[in-house]
Structures are given as C-alpha cells and as structure tokens.
Amino acid sequence: MSTLTHESMTNHHVPGIWGQLSETVHLWRRRHQARRELTHWTERDLHDVGLTWSDIVREAEKPFWRA
C-alpha cells in the first residue's frame, strides 16, 4: 500500500487553474495597455528606440492575446 498522500503529491509551485487564469488575464491587460500607450508616442520617442509608425500600427492592431 502506498504511503503517499494526495497532499504530498501536489506540486505547490504551480498555481491552480484560477491562478493561471488570473495571470493570463493580467498579461492580456498589460499587453492591451502597452499597445495603446505606443500609439501616443512622439516621432522622437520612435526614433530613440528605432521604431517607425508602421511598426506601431502593426503592433497596436494585434489582438491582446497574441504576443
């Protein structure tokens, strides 16, 4: 007979389904916010980081779930 219990077999480092869902939603919100902020950058900001407006448009048009 096994001496392992359900509790000893649980990986405590991996969040449960609700934790994973919460992390995913948080990531999606950060992506959405960051992409929205990019659309407010100035020409100088874009030049400083080596981006063009077409780069910004391409990024801003991505759905929030796509990296």
PDB file of N, CA and C in Angstrom:
ATOM      1  N   MET A   1       0.834  -1.174   0.000  1.00  0.00           N
ATOM      2  CA  MET A   1       0.000   0.000   0.000  1.00  0.00           C
ATOM      3  C   MET A   1       0.883   1.243   0.000  1.00  0.00           C
ATOM      4  N   SER A   2       0.490   2.269  -0.749  1.00  0.00           N
ATOM      5  CA  SER A   2       1.274   3.481  -0.893  1.00  0.00           C
ATOM      6  C   SER A   2       1.190   4.346   0.364  1.00  0.00           C
ATOM      7  N   THR A   3       2.300   4.969   0.693  1.00  0.00           N
ATOM      8  CA  THR A   3       2.311   5.884   1.837  1.00  0.00           C
ATOM      9  C   THR A   3       2.166   7.339   1.388  1.00  0.00           C
ATOM     10  N   LEU A   4       2.095   7.568   0.088  1.00  0.00           N
ATOM     11  CA  LEU A   4       1.933   8.931  -0.415  1.00  0.00           C
ATOM     12  C   LEU A   4       0.494   9.388  -0.224  1.00  0.00           C
ATOM     13  N   THR A   5       0.352  10.610   0.182  1.00  0.00           N
ATOM     14  CA  THR A   5      -0.985  11.176   0.328  1.00  0.00           C
ATOM     15  C   THR A   5      -1.226  12.159  -0.805  1.00  0.00           C
ATOM     16  N   HIS A   6      -2.465  12.502  -1.002  1.00  0.00           N
ATOM     17  CA  HIS A   6      -2.819  13.479  -2.035  1.00  0.00           C
ATOM     18  C   HIS A   6      -2.039  14.773  -1.815  1.00  0.00           C
ATOM     19  N   GLU A   7      -1.939  15.230  -0.592  1.00  0.00           N
ATOM     20  CA  GLU A   7      -1.251  16.477  -0.275  1.00  0.00           C
ATOM     21  C   GLU A   7       0.233  16.392  -0.628  1.00  0.00           C
ATOM     22  N   SER A   8       0.866  15.260  -0.385  1.00  0.00           N
ATOM     23  CA  SER A   8       2.299  15.137  -0.672  1.00  0.00           C
ATOM     24  C   SER A   8       2.572  15.031  -2.163  1.00  0.00           C
ATOM     25  N   MET A   9       1.565  14.679  -2.947  1.00  0.00           N
ATOM     26  CA  MET A   9       1.739  14.546  -4.390  1.00  0.00           C
ATOM     27  C   MET A   9       1.416  15.849  -5.127  1.00  0.00           C
ATOM     28  N   THR A  10       0.916  16.851  -4.433  1.00  0.00           N
ATOM     29  CA  THR A  10       0.543  18.108  -5.055  1.00  0.00           C
ATOM     30  C   THR A  10       1.783  18.971  -5.251  1.00  0.00           C
ATOM     31  N   ASN A  11       1.928  19.535  -6.451  1.00  0.00           N
ATOM     32  CA  ASN A  11       3.025  20.457  -6.726  1.00  0.00           C
ATOM     33  C   ASN A  11       2.584  21.842  -6.277  1.00  0.00           C
ATOM     34  N   HIS A  12       3.154  22.334  -5.198  1.00  0.00           N
ATOM     35  CA  HIS A  12       2.740  23.606  -4.627  1.00  0.00           C
ATOM     36  C   HIS A  12       3.327  24.802  -5.358  1.00  0.00           C
ATOM     37  N   HIS A  13       4.196  24.583  -6.324  1.00  0.00           N
ATOM     38  CA  HIS A  13       4.818  25.685  -7.050  1.00  0.00           C
ATOM     39  C   HIS A  13       4.017  26.087  -8.275  1.00  0.00           C
ATOM     40  N   VAL A  14       3.091  25.289  -8.699  1.00  0.00           N
ATOM     41  CA  VAL A  14       2.270  25.587  -9.865  1.00  0.00           C
ATOM     42  C   VAL A  14       0.912  26.073  -9.380  1.00  0.00           C
ATOM     43  N   PRO A  15       0.522  27.306  -9.786  1.00  0.00           N
ATOM     44  CA  PRO A  15      -0.779  27.792  -9.330  1.00  0.00           C
ATOM     45  C   PRO A  15      -1.910  26.966  -9.923  1.00  0.00           C
ATOM     46  N   GLY A  16      -3.009  26.948  -9.238  1.00  0.00           N
ATOM     47  CA  GLY A  16      -4.166  26.216  -9.731  1.00  0.00           C
ATOM     48  C   GLY A  16      -4.736  26.878 -10.963  1.00  0.00           C
ATOM     49  N   ILE A  17      -5.800  26.323 -11.466  1.00  0.00           N
ATOM     50  CA  ILE A  17      -6.423  26.821 -12.684  1.00  0.00           C
ATOM     51  C   ILE A  17      -6.847  28.280 -12.527  1.00  0.00           C
ATOM     52  N   TRP A  18      -7.326  28.667 -11.347  1.00  0.00           N
ATOM     53  CA  TRP A  18      -7.764  30.049 -11.141  1.00  0.00           C
ATOM     54  C   TRP A  18      -6.568  30.989 -11.106  1.00  0.00           C
ATOM     55  N   GLY A  19      -5.464  30.539 -10.547  1.00  0.00           N
ATOM     56  CA  GLY A  19      -4.251  31.350 -10.541  1.00  0.00           C
ATOM     57  C   GLY A  19      -3.708  31.546 -11.946  1.00  0.00           C
ATOM     58  N   GLN A  20      -3.727  30.474 -12.727  1.00  0.00           N
ATOM     59  CA  GLN A  20      -3.261  30.563 -14.108  1.00  0.00           C
ATOM     60  C   GLN A  20      -4.163  31.484 -14.924  1.00  0.00           C
ATOM     61  N   LEU A  21      -5.466  31.359 -14.729  1.00  0.00           N
ATOM     62  CA  LEU A  21      -6.406  32.211 -15.442  1.00  0.00           C
ATOM     63  C   LEU A  21      -6.197  33.679 -15.066  1.00  0.00           C
ATOM     64  N   SER A  22      -6.003  33.935 -13.799  1.00  0.00           N
ATOM     65  CA  SER A  22      -5.764  35.297 -13.335  1.00  0.00           C
ATOM     66  C   SER A  22      -4.489  35.867 -13.944  1.00  0.00           C
ATOM     67  N   GLU A  23      -3.424  35.088 -13.978  1.00  0.00           N
ATOM     68  CA  GLU A  23      -2.166  35.538 -14.578  1.00  0.00           C
ATOM     69  C   GLU A  23      -2.331  35.823 -16.062  1.00  0.00           C
ATOM     70  N   THR A  24      -3.075  34.995 -16.757  1.00  0.00           N
ATOM     71  CA  THR A  24      -3.301  35.183 -18.190  1.00  0.00           C
ATOM     72  C   THR A  24      -4.078  36.464 -18.457  1.00  0.00           C
ATOM     73  N   VAL A  25      -5.143  36.689 -17.702  1.00  0.00           N
ATOM     74  CA  VAL A  25      -5.943  37.904 -17.869  1.00  0.00           C
ATOM     75  C   VAL A  25      -5.098  39.136 -17.561  1.00  0.00           C
ATOM     76  N   HIS A  26      -4.270  39.069 -16.534  1.00  0.00           N
ATOM     77  CA  HIS A  26      -3.390  40.181 -16.177  1.00  0.00           C
ATOM     78  C   HIS A  26      -2.408  40.465 -17.325  1.00  0.00           C
ATOM     79  N   LEU A  27      -1.835  39.435 -17.906  1.00  0.00           N
ATOM     80  CA  LEU A  27      -0.919  39.587 -19.036  1.00  0.00           C
ATOM     81  C   LEU A  27      -1.626  40.239 -20.215  1.00  0.00           C
ATOM     82  N   TRP A  28      -2.840  39.783 -20.518  1.00  0.00           N
ATOM     83  CA  TRP A  28      -3.609  40.358 -21.630  1.00  0.00           C
ATOM     84  C   TRP A  28      -3.884  41.841 -21.403  1.00  0.00           C
ATOM     85  N   ARG A  29      -4.219  42.214 -20.182  1.00  0.00           N
ATOM     86  CA  ARG A  29      -4.484  43.627 -19.868  1.00  0.00           C
ATOM     87  C   ARG A  29      -3.222  44.463 -20.016  1.00  0.00           C
ATOM     88  N   ARG A  30      -2.073  43.931 -19.570  1.00  0.00           N
ATOM     89  CA  ARG A  30      -0.802  44.664 -19.727  1.00  0.00           C
ATOM     90  C   ARG A  30      -0.468  44.866 -21.195  1.00  0.00           C
ATOM     91  N   ARG A  31      -0.678  43.816 -22.016  1.00  0.00           N
ATOM     92  CA  ARG A  31      -0.413  43.939 -23.454  1.00  0.00           C
ATOM     93  C   ARG A  31      -1.307  45.004 -24.082  1.00  0.00           C
ATOM     94  N   HIS A  32      -2.588  44.958 -23.760  1.00  0.00           N
ATOM     95  CA  HIS A  32      -3.532  45.924 -24.312  1.00  0.00           C
ATOM     96  C   HIS A  32      -3.119  47.348 -23.936  1.00  0.00           C
ATOM     97  N   GLN A  33      -2.786  47.554 -22.681  1.00  0.00           N
ATOM     98  CA  GLN A  33      -2.396  48.882 -22.205  1.00  0.00           C
ATOM     99  C   GLN A  33      -1.096  49.346 -22.863  1.00  0.00           C
ATOM    100  N   ALA A  34      -0.123  48.471 -22.954  1.00  0.00           N
ATOM    101  CA  ALA A  34       1.163  48.841 -23.561  1.00  0.00           C
ATOM    102  C   ALA A  34       0.990  49.203 -25.030  1.00  0.00           C
ATOM    103  N   ARG A  35       0.174  48.445 -25.745  1.00  0.00           N
ATOM    104  CA  ARG A  35      -0.050  48.733 -27.166  1.00  0.00           C
ATOM    105  C   ARG A  35      -0.803  50.043 -27.340  1.00  0.00           C
ATOM    106  N   ARG A  36      -1.727  50.324 -26.456  1.00  0.00           N
ATOM    107  CA  ARG A  36      -2.455  51.591 -26.516  1.00  0.00           C
ATOM    108  C   ARG A  36      -1.502  52.754 -26.245  1.00  0.00           C
ATOM    109  N   GLU A  37      -0.598  52.585 -25.287  1.00  0.00           N
ATOM    110  CA  GLU A  37       0.368  53.646 -24.974  1.00  0.00           C
ATOM    111  C   GLU A  37       1.313  53.910 -26.144  1.00  0.00           C
ATOM    112  N   LEU A  38       1.674  52.877 -26.878  1.00  0.00           N
ATOM    113  CA  LEU A  38       2.558  53.056 -28.036  1.00  0.00           C
ATOM    114  C   LEU A  38       1.980  54.037 -29.043  1.00  0.00           C
ATOM    115  N   THR A  39       0.671  54.052 -29.193  1.00  0.00           N
ATOM    116  CA  THR A  39       0.047  54.931 -30.181  1.00  0.00           C
ATOM    117  C   THR A  39       0.168  56.404 -29.808  1.00  0.00           C
ATOM    118  N   HIS A  40       0.581  56.699 -28.583  1.00  0.00           N
ATOM    119  CA  HIS A  40       0.739  58.083 -28.132  1.00  0.00           C
ATOM    120  C   HIS A  40       2.193  58.553 -28.160  1.00  0.00           C
ATOM    121  N   TRP A  41       3.094  57.714 -28.616  1.00  0.00           N
ATOM    122  CA  TRP A  41       4.499  58.099 -28.676  1.00  0.00           C
ATOM    123  C   TRP A  41       4.709  59.172 -29.730  1.00  0.00           C
ATOM    124  N   THR A  42       5.716  59.998 -29.506  1.00  0.00           N
ATOM    125  CA  THR A  42       6.071  61.046 -30.466  1.00  0.00           C
ATOM    126  C   THR A  42       7.076  60.499 -31.479  1.00  0.00           C
ATOM    127  N   GLU A  43       7.294  61.273 -32.531  1.00  0.00           N
ATOM    128  CA  GLU A  43       8.294  60.893 -33.533  1.00  0.00           C
ATOM    129  C   GLU A  43       9.668  60.711 -32.880  1.00  0.00           C
ATOM    130  N   ARG A  44       9.972  61.581 -31.927  1.00  0.00           N
ATOM    131  CA  ARG A  44      11.268  61.498 -31.238  1.00  0.00           C
ATOM    132  C   ARG A  44      11.368  60.197 -30.438  1.00  0.00           C
ATOM    133  N   ASP A  45      10.289  59.826 -29.725  1.00  0.00           N
ATOM    134  CA  ASP A  45      10.281  58.570 -28.965  1.00  0.00           C
ATOM    135  C   ASP A  45      10.556  57.387 -29.896  1.00  0.00           C
ATOM    136  N   LEU A  46       9.862  57.392 -31.037  1.00  0.00           N
ATOM    137  CA  LEU A  46      10.029  56.307 -32.001  1.00  0.00           C
ATOM    138  C   LEU A  46      11.456  56.261 -32.527  1.00  0.00           C
ATOM    139  N   HIS A  47      11.990  57.415 -32.844  1.00  0.00           N
ATOM    140  CA  HIS A  47      13.360  57.482 -33.354  1.00  0.00           C
ATOM    141  C   HIS A  47      14.360  56.966 -32.307  1.00  0.00           C
ATOM    142  N   ASP A  48      14.151  57.344 -31.062  1.00  0.00           N
ATOM    143  CA  ASP A  48      15.058  56.927 -29.978  1.00  0.00           C
ATOM    144  C   ASP A  48      15.145  55.409 -29.840  1.00  0.00           C
ATOM    145  N   VAL A  49      14.045  54.713 -30.084  1.00  0.00           N
ATOM    146  CA  VAL A  49      14.050  53.252 -29.930  1.00  0.00           C
ATOM    147  C   VAL A  49      14.118  52.525 -31.265  1.00  0.00           C
ATOM    148  N   GLY A  50      14.189  53.283 -32.363  1.00  0.00           N
ATOM    149  CA  GLY A  50      14.357  52.670 -33.676  1.00  0.00           C
ATOM    150  C   GLY A  50      13.102  52.052 -34.261  1.00  0.00           C
ATOM    151  N   LEU A  51      11.938  52.636 -33.937  1.00  0.00           N
ATOM    152  CA  LEU A  51      10.677  52.144 -34.482  1.00  0.00           C
ATOM    153  C   LEU A  51      10.093  53.156 -35.457  1.00  0.00           C
ATOM    154  N   THR A  52       9.225  52.672 -36.330  1.00  0.00           N
ATOM    155  CA  THR A  52       8.505  53.541 -37.252  1.00  0.00           C
ATOM    156  C   THR A  52       7.023  53.482 -36.918  1.00  0.00           C
ATOM    157  N   TRP A  53       6.253  54.400 -37.518  1.00  0.00           N
ATOM    158  CA  TRP A  53       4.818  54.378 -37.287  1.00  0.00           C
ATOM    159  C   TRP A  53       4.206  53.086 -37.811  1.00  0.00           C
ATOM    160  N   SER A  54       4.751  52.550 -38.885  1.00  0.00           N
ATOM    161  CA  SER A  54       4.202  51.279 -39.389  1.00  0.00           C
ATOM    162  C   SER A  54       4.442  50.148 -38.389  1.00  0.00           C
ATOM    163  N   ASP A  55       5.578  50.189 -37.673  1.00  0.00           N
ATOM    164  CA  ASP A  55       5.823  49.204 -36.608  1.00  0.00           C
ATOM    165  C   ASP A  55       4.767  49.335 -35.513  1.00  0.00           C
ATOM    166  N   ILE A  56       4.469  50.575 -35.148  1.00  0.00           N
ATOM    167  CA  ILE A  56       3.495  50.829 -34.083  1.00  0.00           C
ATOM    168  C   ILE A  56       2.101  50.369 -34.506  1.00  0.00           C
ATOM    169  N   VAL A  57       1.722  50.696 -35.743  1.00  0.00           N
ATOM    170  CA  VAL A  57       0.402  50.281 -36.232  1.00  0.00           C
ATOM    171  C   VAL A  57       0.293  48.765 -36.239  1.00  0.00           C
ATOM    172  N   ARG A  58       1.334  48.102 -36.720  1.00  0.00           N
ATOM    173  CA  ARG A  58       1.328  46.632 -36.770  1.00  0.00           C
ATOM    174  C   ARG A  58       1.168  46.053 -35.363  1.00  0.00           C
ATOM    175  N   GLU A  59       1.888  46.608 -34.398  1.00  0.00           N
ATOM    176  CA  GLU A  59       1.809  46.114 -33.013  1.00  0.00           C
ATOM    177  C   GLU A  59       0.452  46.440 -32.391  1.00  0.00           C
ATOM    178  N   ALA A  60      -0.036  47.647 -32.610  1.00  0.00           N
ATOM    179  CA  ALA A  60      -1.297  48.080 -31.997  1.00  0.00           C
ATOM    180  C   ALA A  60      -2.491  47.303 -32.540  1.00  0.00           C
ATOM    181  N   GLU A  61      -2.388  46.809 -33.752  1.00  0.00           N
ATOM    182  CA  GLU A  61      -3.505  46.072 -34.340  1.00  0.00           C
ATOM    183  C   GLU A  61      -3.557  44.602 -33.926  1.00  0.00           C
ATOM    184  N   LYS A  62      -2.528  44.120 -33.245  1.00  0.00           N
ATOM    185  CA  LYS A  62      -2.532  42.740 -32.774  1.00  0.00           C
ATOM    186  C   LYS A  62      -3.611  42.550 -31.719  1.00  0.00           C
ATOM    187  N   PRO A  63      -4.262  41.394 -31.725  1.00  0.00           N
ATOM    188  CA  PRO A  63      -5.210  41.112 -30.633  1.00  0.00           C
ATOM    189  C   PRO A  63      -4.447  40.969 -29.310  1.00  0.00           C
ATOM    190  N   PHE A  64      -5.115  41.273 -28.224  1.00  0.00           N
ATOM    191  CA  PHE A  64      -4.455  41.258 -26.904  1.00  0.00           C
ATOM    192  C   PHE A  64      -3.901  39.902 -26.526  1.00  0.00           C
ATOM    193  N   TRP A  65      -4.432  38.843 -27.072  1.00  0.00           N
ATOM    194  CA  TRP A  65      -3.966  37.503 -26.703  1.00  0.00           C
ATOM    195  C   TRP A  65      -2.721  37.079 -27.487  1.00  0.00           C
ATOM    196  N   ARG A  66      -2.334  37.825 -28.489  1.00  0.00           N
ATOM    197  CA  ARG A  66      -1.180  37.455 -29.313  1.00  0.00           C
ATOM    198  C   ARG A  66       0.055  38.215 -28.846  1.00  0.00           C
ATOM    199  N   ALA A  67       1.135  37.496 -28.606  1.00  0.00           N
ATOM    200  CA  ALA A  67       2.388  38.121 -28.170  1.00  0.00           C
ATOM    201  C   ALA A  67       3.066  38.836 -29.309  1.00  0.00           C
TER     202      ALA A  67
END
